[in-house]
Protein backbone atom coordinates (compact mmCIF):
# COMPACT_ATOMS: atom_id res chain seq x y z
CA MET A 1 -22.34 -14.21 -9.73
CA ILE A 2 -19.62 -12.97 -7.28
CA ARG A 3 -16.61 -11.78 -9.32
CA ASN A 4 -13.11 -12.11 -8.23
CA GLY A 5 -12.63 -8.60 -7.37
CA GLU A 6 -15.88 -8.61 -5.01
CA VAL A 7 -14.25 -11.87 -3.43
CA LEU A 8 -11.02 -10.04 -2.66
CA SER A 9 -12.70 -7.09 -1.48
CA GLU A 10 -14.74 -9.16 1.12
CA ARG A 11 -11.49 -11.06 2.17
CA TRP A 12 -9.70 -7.66 2.34
CA LYS A 13 -12.28 -6.12 4.53
CA LYS A 14 -11.77 -9.21 7.07
CA MET A 15 -7.95 -8.76 7.18
CA PRO A 16 -6.43 -6.99 10.25
CA LEU A 17 -4.96 -3.44 9.14
CA CYS A 18 -1.29 -4.62 9.78
CA GLU A 19 -1.66 -7.30 7.28
CA GLN A 20 -3.53 -5.07 4.62
CA MET A 21 -0.56 -2.62 4.93
CA ALA A 22 2.12 -5.43 4.72
CA HIS A 23 0.39 -6.25 1.36
CA VAL A 24 0.73 -2.71 0.34
CA GLY A 25 4.44 -2.59 1.26
CA SER A 26 5.26 -5.45 -0.83
CA GLU A 27 3.87 -3.66 -3.88
CA VAL A 28 5.71 -0.49 -2.89
CA SER A 29 8.88 -2.55 -2.57
CA ARG A 30 8.33 -3.99 -5.94
CA ALA A 31 7.81 -0.51 -7.39
CA VAL A 32 10.97 0.79 -5.86
CA HIS A 33 12.95 -2.21 -7.21
CA TRP A 34 11.57 -2.09 -10.57
CA ARG A 35 12.33 1.68 -10.59
CA LYS A 36 16.01 1.09 -9.65
CA LYS A 37 16.16 -1.43 -12.50
CA GLY A 38 14.92 0.96 -14.94
CA LYS A 39 11.63 -0.92 -15.57
CA ARG A 40 9.39 1.96 -15.42
CA ASP A 41 6.25 0.12 -16.70
CA LEU A 42 6.69 -2.64 -13.95
CA SER A 43 7.25 0.07 -11.45
CA GLN A 44 4.15 1.87 -12.39
CA ASN A 45 1.94 -1.44 -12.25
CA ALA A 46 3.36 -2.17 -8.67
CA VAL A 47 2.35 1.43 -7.64
CA ASP A 48 -0.92 1.15 -9.15
CA ARG A 49 -1.60 -2.32 -7.29
CA ALA A 50 -0.39 -0.64 -4.17
CA LEU A 51 -3.04 2.31 -4.45
CA GLU A 52 -5.76 -0.15 -5.54
CA LEU A 53 -5.21 -2.14 -2.28
CA LEU A 54 -5.05 1.33 -0.43
CA ASP A 55 -8.37 2.22 -1.93
CA MET A 56 -9.67 -1.16 -0.70
CA SER A 57 -8.38 -0.37 2.68
CA LEU A 58 -10.30 2.94 2.66
CA ASP A 59 -13.47 1.06 1.74
CA ALA A 60 -12.80 -1.28 4.68
CA ALA A 61 -11.73 1.47 7.39
CA ASN A 62 -14.27 1.57 10.15
CA SER A 63 -12.71 4.39 12.15
CA PHE A 64 -11.73 8.07 11.76
CA PRO A 65 -7.91 7.61 12.85
CA ARG A 66 -7.63 4.38 10.38
CA LEU A 67 -9.21 6.45 7.53
CA LYS A 68 -6.84 9.38 7.99
CA GLU A 69 -3.85 7.30 8.19
CA ILE A 70 -4.64 5.35 4.97
CA ALA A 71 -5.59 8.32 3.16
CA ARG A 72 -2.32 10.20 4.11
CA VAL A 73 -0.14 7.22 3.11
CA ARG A 74 -2.15 7.05 -0.21
CA GLU A 75 -1.55 10.80 -0.92
CA ALA A 76 2.25 10.50 -0.09
CA LEU A 77 2.69 7.54 -2.37
CA VAL A 78 1.02 9.42 -5.10
CA ASP A 79 3.23 12.49 -4.50
CA TYR A 80 6.47 10.27 -4.32
CA PHE A 81 5.84 8.22 -7.53
CA TYR A 82 3.79 10.51 -9.57
CA GLY A 83 4.32 13.97 -8.10
CA SER A 84 7.01 16.47 -7.08
CA ASN A 85 7.68 14.58 -3.84
CA MET A 86 6.76 17.83 -1.87
CA TYR A 87 6.85 15.30 1.28
CA ALA A 88 10.39 14.50 0.85
CA SER A 89 9.95 10.60 0.85
CA SER A 90 12.55 8.28 0.01
CA ASP A 91 12.94 4.46 -0.69
CA ILE A 92 14.30 3.83 2.81
CA LEU A 93 11.57 5.87 4.47
CA TRP A 94 8.85 3.89 2.92
CA GLN A 95 10.85 0.58 3.42
CA LYS A 96 11.08 1.34 7.21
CA TYR A 97 7.16 2.42 7.44
CA PHE A 98 6.06 -0.66 5.78
CA ASP A 99 8.52 -3.08 7.50
CA ALA A 100 6.73 -2.05 10.82
CA PHE A 101 3.50 -3.51 9.42
CA ASN A 102 5.03 -6.48 8.05
CA TYR A 103 6.61 -7.22 11.63
CA ALA A 104 3.27 -6.76 13.31
CA ALA A 105 1.41 -8.94 10.63
CA ARG A 106 3.90 -11.77 11.22
CA LYS A 107 3.82 -11.66 14.78
CA THR A 108 -0.12 -12.19 14.94
CA ARG A 109 0.02 -15.25 12.57
């Protein structure tokens, strides 16, 4: 029997990278939104979902440059939301980064 997580993982592997990253960006946007509203638990849930999606993208990565990019994004997100922000990320930086993927994903549809 195939569980929902396995079905999602298989669908995720078939998605273009720009679409995967656009979905991750949606979760990051939610995390930022809830953090600004002072809803720490909702923000943390969104970050956790974004990291889970990035983990699925890492599993689906079929080339070293793609793997490297996804791993660095994951590392920087963890640093921004849970660490000391040593990479000096900001809400606007993350929005701009993921907006490019959202634009590319919409353009290919």
